[in-house]
Amino acid sequence: MDRTLENFITVLRRSGVRVSVSETMDAVRGVELSGYEDRQLVKDFLAVSLAKSQPEKQIFENCFEISSTLKAWAARMLFLRIRSEYLQNI
């Protein structure tokens, strides 16, 4: 599992959201399909996979906003772009 996603799920669990193994796998598949490029799409995939009740949805929103600061997001995008360029040149 991607370290970024693993960390986010850990934050959700520590914040009181019950996330099962099957829900985690659904989230992983969603991110694999979407990639990280479209922040809203990633957020939507994760929300449907991980937040079930209204209180969990609010916790999810708070955790997602905190977890995706501009600096962290920019660093991740830079990494993905460099990795993509590298893989195209192999």
C-alpha atoms as a PDB file:
ATOM      1  CA  MET A   1       0.000   0.000   0.000  1.00  0.00           C
ATOM      2  CA  ASP A   2       1.127   3.527  -0.770  1.00  0.00           C
ATOM      3  CA  ARG A   3       2.694   5.179   2.290  1.00  0.00           C
ATOM      4  CA  THR A   4       0.624   8.360   1.851  1.00  0.00           C
ATOM      5  CA  LEU A   5      -2.616   6.388   1.869  1.00  0.00           C
ATOM      6  CA  GLU A   6      -1.448   4.188   4.746  1.00  0.00           C
ATOM      7  CA  ASN A   7      -0.678   7.270   6.842  1.00  0.00           C
ATOM      8  CA  PHE A   8      -4.041   8.826   6.033  1.00  0.00           C
ATOM      9  CA  ILE A   9      -5.946   5.689   7.049  1.00  0.00           C
ATOM     10  CA  THR A  10      -3.953   5.582  10.278  1.00  0.00           C
ATOM     11  CA  VAL A  11      -4.959   9.184  10.995  1.00  0.00           C
ATOM     12  CA  LEU A  12      -8.606   8.316  10.345  1.00  0.00           C
ATOM     13  CA  ARG A  13      -8.462   5.315  12.671  1.00  0.00           C
ATOM     14  CA  ARG A  14      -6.796   7.319  15.420  1.00  0.00           C
ATOM     15  CA  SER A  15      -9.492   9.954  14.990  1.00  0.00           C
ATOM     16  CA  GLY A  16     -12.240   7.413  15.632  1.00  0.00           C
ATOM     17  CA  VAL A  17     -13.215   6.237  12.150  1.00  0.00           C
ATOM     18  CA  ARG A  18     -13.547   2.460  11.973  1.00  0.00           C
ATOM     19  CA  VAL A  19     -11.843   1.374   8.743  1.00  0.00           C
ATOM     20  CA  SER A  20     -11.907  -2.320   7.875  1.00  0.00           C
ATOM     21  CA  VAL A  21      -9.412  -4.207   5.746  1.00  0.00           C
ATOM     22  CA  SER A  22     -11.928  -4.481   2.899  1.00  0.00           C
ATOM     23  CA  GLU A  23     -12.606  -0.729   3.043  1.00  0.00           C
ATOM     24  CA  THR A  24      -8.879  -0.115   2.974  1.00  0.00           C
ATOM     25  CA  MET A  25      -8.535  -2.312  -0.104  1.00  0.00           C
ATOM     26  CA  ASP A  26     -11.402  -0.425  -1.782  1.00  0.00           C
ATOM     27  CA  ALA A  27      -9.582   2.835  -1.077  1.00  0.00           C
ATOM     28  CA  VAL A  28      -6.331   1.434  -2.476  1.00  0.00           C
ATOM     29  CA  ARG A  29      -8.089   0.326  -5.670  1.00  0.00           C
ATOM     30  CA  GLY A  30      -9.737   3.725  -6.018  1.00  0.00           C
ATOM     31  CA  VAL A  31      -6.427   5.561  -5.721  1.00  0.00           C
ATOM     32  CA  GLU A  32      -4.796   3.116  -8.128  1.00  0.00           C
ATOM     33  CA  LEU A  33      -7.514   3.944 -10.664  1.00  0.00           C
ATOM     34  CA  SER A  34      -7.462   7.699 -10.154  1.00  0.00           C
ATOM     35  CA  GLY A  35      -3.831   8.390  -9.316  1.00  0.00           C
ATOM     36  CA  TYR A  36      -3.039  11.383  -7.106  1.00  0.00           C
ATOM     37  CA  GLU A  37      -3.188  14.059  -9.792  1.00  0.00           C
ATOM     38  CA  ASP A  38      -6.842  15.065  -9.261  1.00  0.00           C
ATOM     39  CA  ARG A  39      -7.204  15.956  -5.576  1.00  0.00           C
ATOM     40  CA  GLN A  40     -11.018  16.065  -5.669  1.00  0.00           C
ATOM     41  CA  LEU A  41     -11.267  12.675  -7.351  1.00  0.00           C
ATOM     42  CA  VAL A  42      -8.941  11.139  -4.747  1.00  0.00           C
ATOM     43  CA  LYS A  43     -10.975  12.738  -1.971  1.00  0.00           C
ATOM     44  CA  ASP A  44     -14.228  11.389  -3.448  1.00  0.00           C
ATOM     45  CA  PHE A  45     -12.851   7.846  -3.836  1.00  0.00           C
ATOM     46  CA  LEU A  46     -11.563   7.854  -0.275  1.00  0.00           C
ATOM     47  CA  ALA A  47     -14.751   9.358   1.163  1.00  0.00           C
ATOM     48  CA  VAL A  48     -17.015   6.686  -0.330  1.00  0.00           C
ATOM     49  CA  SER A  49     -14.627   3.935   0.696  1.00  0.00           C
ATOM     50  CA  LEU A  50     -13.806   5.035   4.224  1.00  0.00           C
ATOM     51  CA  ALA A  51     -16.493   7.285   5.763  1.00  0.00           C
ATOM     52  CA  LYS A  52     -19.827   5.640   6.436  1.00  0.00           C
ATOM     53  CA  SER A  53     -21.809   7.665   8.969  1.00  0.00           C
ATOM     54  CA  GLN A  54     -22.332  11.425   9.101  1.00  0.00           C
ATOM     55  CA  PRO A  55     -19.932  11.827  12.074  1.00  0.00           C
ATOM     56  CA  GLU A  56     -17.303   9.775  10.214  1.00  0.00           C
ATOM     57  CA  LYS A  57     -17.796  11.938   7.122  1.00  0.00           C
ATOM     58  CA  GLN A  58     -17.078  15.060   9.183  1.00  0.00           C
ATOM     59  CA  ILE A  59     -13.971  13.461  10.709  1.00  0.00           C
ATOM     60  CA  PHE A  60     -12.908  12.411   7.204  1.00  0.00           C
ATOM     61  CA  GLU A  61     -13.307  15.983   5.901  1.00  0.00           C
ATOM     62  CA  ASN A  62     -11.229  17.389   8.756  1.00  0.00           C
ATOM     63  CA  CYS A  63      -8.509  14.753   8.430  1.00  0.00           C
ATOM     64  CA  PHE A  64      -8.331  15.098   4.650  1.00  0.00           C
ATOM     65  CA  GLU A  65      -7.926  18.863   4.804  1.00  0.00           C
ATOM     66  CA  ILE A  66      -5.266  18.651   7.489  1.00  0.00           C
ATOM     67  CA  SER A  67      -3.442  15.790   5.765  1.00  0.00           C
ATOM     68  CA  SER A  68      -3.283  17.452   2.388  1.00  0.00           C
ATOM     69  CA  THR A  69      -1.469  20.670   3.033  1.00  0.00           C
ATOM     70  CA  LEU A  70      -0.219  22.559   0.022  1.00  0.00           C
ATOM     71  CA  LYS A  71       3.418  21.771   0.755  1.00  0.00           C
ATOM     72  CA  ALA A  72       2.829  18.030   1.104  1.00  0.00           C
ATOM     73  CA  TRP A  73       0.640  17.947  -1.986  1.00  0.00           C
ATOM     74  CA  ALA A  74       3.185  19.868  -4.057  1.00  0.00           C
ATOM     75  CA  ALA A  75       5.980  17.541  -2.944  1.00  0.00           C
ATOM     76  CA  ARG A  76       3.928  14.490  -3.882  1.00  0.00           C
ATOM     77  CA  MET A  77       3.074  15.919  -7.319  1.00  0.00           C
ATOM     78  CA  LEU A  78       6.734  16.692  -7.968  1.00  0.00           C
ATOM     79  CA  PHE A  79       7.682  13.146  -7.027  1.00  0.00           C
ATOM     80  CA  LEU A  80       5.016  11.656  -9.302  1.00  0.00           C
ATOM     81  CA  ARG A  81       6.058  13.836 -12.234  1.00  0.00           C
ATOM     82  CA  ILE A  82       9.728  12.937 -11.835  1.00  0.00           C
ATOM     83  CA  ARG A  83       8.884   9.241 -11.469  1.00  0.00           C
ATOM     84  CA  SER A  84       6.654   9.348 -14.540  1.00  0.00           C
ATOM     85  CA  GLU A  85       9.352  11.032 -16.628  1.00  0.00           C
ATOM     86  CA  TYR A  86      11.922   8.509 -15.411  1.00  0.00           C
ATOM     87  CA  LEU A  87       9.689   5.544 -16.262  1.00  0.00           C
ATOM     88  CA  GLN A  88       9.038   6.926 -19.743  1.00  0.00           C
ATOM     89  CA  ASN A  89      12.782   7.072 -20.387  1.00  0.00           C
ATOM     90  CA  ILE A  90      13.528   3.481 -19.405  1.00  0.00           C
END
